[in-house]
C-alpha atoms as a PDB file:
ATOM      1  CA  MET A   1     119.266 106.672  36.021  1.00  0.00           C
ATOM      2  CA  ARG A   2     119.720 104.250  38.772  1.00  0.00           C
ATOM      3  CA  ARG A   3     121.548 106.875  40.835  1.00  0.00           C
ATOM      4  CA  GLN A   4     118.704 109.148  40.741  1.00  0.00           C
ATOM      5  CA  GLN A   5     116.304 106.485  41.810  1.00  0.00           C
ATOM      6  CA  ALA A   6     118.654 105.460  44.833  1.00  0.00           C
ATOM      7  CA  ARG A   7     118.857 109.109  45.830  1.00  0.00           C
ATOM      8  CA  SER A   8     115.154 109.679  45.494  1.00  0.00           C
ATOM      9  CA  GLN A   9     114.518 106.573  47.696  1.00  0.00           C
ATOM     10  CA  ARG A  10     116.966 107.735  50.382  1.00  0.00           C
ATOM     11  CA  ARG A  11     115.533 111.165  50.384  1.00  0.00           C
ATOM     12  CA  GLY A  12     112.068 109.537  50.743  1.00  0.00           C
ATOM     13  CA  LEU A  13     113.312 107.308  53.607  1.00  0.00           C
ATOM     14  CA  TRP A  14     114.789 110.442  55.330  1.00  0.00           C
ATOM     15  CA  VAL A  15     111.627 112.404  54.953  1.00  0.00           C
ATOM     16  CA  LEU A  16     109.601 109.502  56.548  1.00  0.00           C
ATOM     17  CA  LEU A  17     111.955 109.355  59.327  1.00  0.00           C
ATOM     18  CA  VAL A  18     111.788 112.992  60.004  1.00  0.00           C
ATOM     19  CA  LEU A  19     108.002 113.074  59.830  1.00  0.00           C
ATOM     20  CA  GLY A  20     107.847 109.987  62.151  1.00  0.00           C
ATOM     21  CA  ILE A  21     109.861 111.641  64.678  1.00  0.00           C
ATOM     22  CA  GLY A  22     107.926 114.874  64.498  1.00  0.00           C
ATOM     23  CA  ALA A  23     104.678 113.133  64.742  1.00  0.00           C
ATOM     24  CA  SER A  24     105.833 111.163  67.840  1.00  0.00           C
ATOM     25  CA  LEU A  25     107.147 114.236  69.599  1.00  0.00           C
ATOM     26  CA  GLY A  26     103.906 116.041  68.761  1.00  0.00           C
ATOM     27  CA  LEU A  27     101.837 113.370  70.127  1.00  0.00           C
ATOM     28  CA  GLY A  28     103.939 113.088  73.278  1.00  0.00           C
ATOM     29  CA  LEU A  29     103.681 116.813  73.896  1.00  0.00           C
ATOM     30  CA  PHE A  30      99.865 116.588  73.390  1.00  0.00           C
ATOM     31  CA  TRP A  31      99.643 113.710  75.896  1.00  0.00           C
ATOM     32  CA  LEU A  32     101.707 115.624  78.365  1.00  0.00           C
ATOM     33  CA  ARG A  33      99.540 118.832  78.107  1.00  0.00           C
ATOM     34  CA  SER A  34      96.286 116.949  78.289  1.00  0.00           C
ATOM     35  CA  TYR A  35      97.450 114.978  81.363  1.00  0.00           C
ATOM     36  CA  GLU A  36      95.843 116.588  84.372  1.00  0.00           C
ATOM     37  CA  ARG A  37      98.008 116.780  87.344  1.00  0.00           C
ATOM     38  CA  ALA A  38      96.795 116.057  90.818  1.00  0.00           C
ATOM     39  CA  PRO A  39      96.680 119.117  93.094  1.00  0.00           C
ATOM     40  CA  ALA A  40      99.437 118.946  95.792  1.00  0.00           C
ATOM     41  CA  GLN A  41      98.105 117.645  99.064  1.00  0.00           C
ATOM     42  CA  THR A  42      98.617 119.576 102.312  1.00  0.00           C
ATOM     43  CA  LEU A  43      99.677 117.733 105.273  1.00  0.00           C
ATOM     44  CA  VAL A  44      97.227 118.367 108.244  1.00  0.00           C
ATOM     45  CA  PHE A  45      98.362 117.528 111.825  1.00  0.00           C
ATOM     46  CA  GLU A  46      95.631 117.022 114.370  1.00  0.00           C
ATOM     47  CA  PRO A  47      96.472 118.872 117.672  1.00  0.00           C
ATOM     48  CA  SER A  48      94.896 116.205 119.676  1.00  0.00           C
ATOM     49  CA  LEU A  49      97.257 113.571 118.131  1.00  0.00           C
ATOM     50  CA  LEU A  50     100.370 115.438 119.218  1.00  0.00           C
ATOM     51  CA  ARG A  51      99.342 116.105 122.791  1.00  0.00           C
ATOM     52  CA  VAL A  52     100.897 113.867 125.679  1.00  0.00           C
ATOM     53  CA  PRO A  53      98.895 113.878 128.890  1.00  0.00           C
ATOM     54  CA  ALA A  54     100.754 115.709 131.616  1.00  0.00           C
ATOM     55  CA  SER A  55     100.089 113.398 134.317  1.00  0.00           C
ATOM     56  CA  THR A  56      98.995 109.983 134.382  1.00  0.00           C
ATOM     57  CA  SER A  57      97.182 108.369 137.348  1.00  0.00           C
ATOM     58  CA  VAL A  58      98.156 104.787 136.519  1.00  0.00           C
ATOM     59  CA  ALA A  59     101.724 103.592 136.884  1.00  0.00           C
ATOM     60  CA  VAL A  60     102.700 101.349 133.663  1.00  0.00           C
ATOM     61  CA  ALA A  61     105.292  98.580 134.577  1.00  0.00           C
ATOM     62  CA  PRO A  62     107.976  97.772 131.889  1.00  0.00           C
ATOM     63  CA  PRO A  63     107.213  94.485 130.091  1.00  0.00           C
ATOM     64  CA  THR A  64     109.156  91.488 131.384  1.00  0.00           C
ATOM     65  CA  MET A  65     110.917  89.106 128.892  1.00  0.00           C
ATOM     66  CA  TRP A  66     112.559  85.746 129.562  1.00  0.00           C
ATOM     67  CA  PHE A  67     115.096  84.352 127.335  1.00  0.00           C
ATOM     68  CA  THR A  68     116.160  80.671 127.283  1.00  0.00           C
ATOM     69  CA  ASP A  69     119.257  79.196 125.642  1.00  0.00           C
ATOM     70  CA  VAL A  70     117.960  76.327 123.546  1.00  0.00           C
ATOM     71  CA  THR A  71     120.981  75.984 121.145  1.00  0.00           C
ATOM     72  CA  ALA A  72     122.268  72.709 122.734  1.00  0.00           C
ATOM     73  CA  THR A  73     118.895  71.139 122.825  1.00  0.00           C
ATOM     74  CA  ALA A  74     118.225  72.080 119.135  1.00  0.00           C
ATOM     75  CA  GLY A  75     121.596  70.570 118.163  1.00  0.00           C
ATOM     76  CA  ILE A  76     123.327  73.743 117.175  1.00  0.00           C
ATOM     77  CA  ALA A  77     127.021  73.688 117.737  1.00  0.00           C
ATOM     78  CA  PHE A  78     128.411  76.812 115.838  1.00  0.00           C
ATOM     79  CA  THR A  79     130.947  79.309 116.976  1.00  0.00           C
ATOM     80  CA  HIS A  80     131.175  82.419 115.028  1.00  0.00           C
ATOM     81  CA  GLY A  81     134.779  83.747 114.250  1.00  0.00           C
ATOM     82  CA  ALA A  82     134.747  87.452 113.449  1.00  0.00           C
ATOM     83  CA  GLY A  83     137.914  87.298 111.525  1.00  0.00           C
ATOM     84  CA  ALA A  84     139.297  90.467 113.159  1.00  0.00           C
ATOM     85  CA  SER A  85     142.530  88.842 114.358  1.00  0.00           C
ATOM     86  CA  GLY A  86     145.923  88.234 112.751  1.00  0.00           C
ATOM     87  CA  ASP A  87     146.670  89.657 109.308  1.00  0.00           C
ATOM     88  CA  LYS A  88     142.941  90.311 108.493  1.00  0.00           C
END
């Protein structure tokens, strides 16, 4: 008698498990089908943005930059060793 009750309880749990998995899959597929996908966007290139003027009337000078070594005044006394010598 107890064996039959245990079997019927196990069978009921299996049925609930299968129904739960089936319902989850069904709802997931329903959600995927109802989800509207955005249309693919096409890239548009403006011809005016791609053109480079053939001749320029104004000459452009390259920028000038000045670098100053301030490591000594900042108190930095570090020498980097690359480690690419000897057995390394």
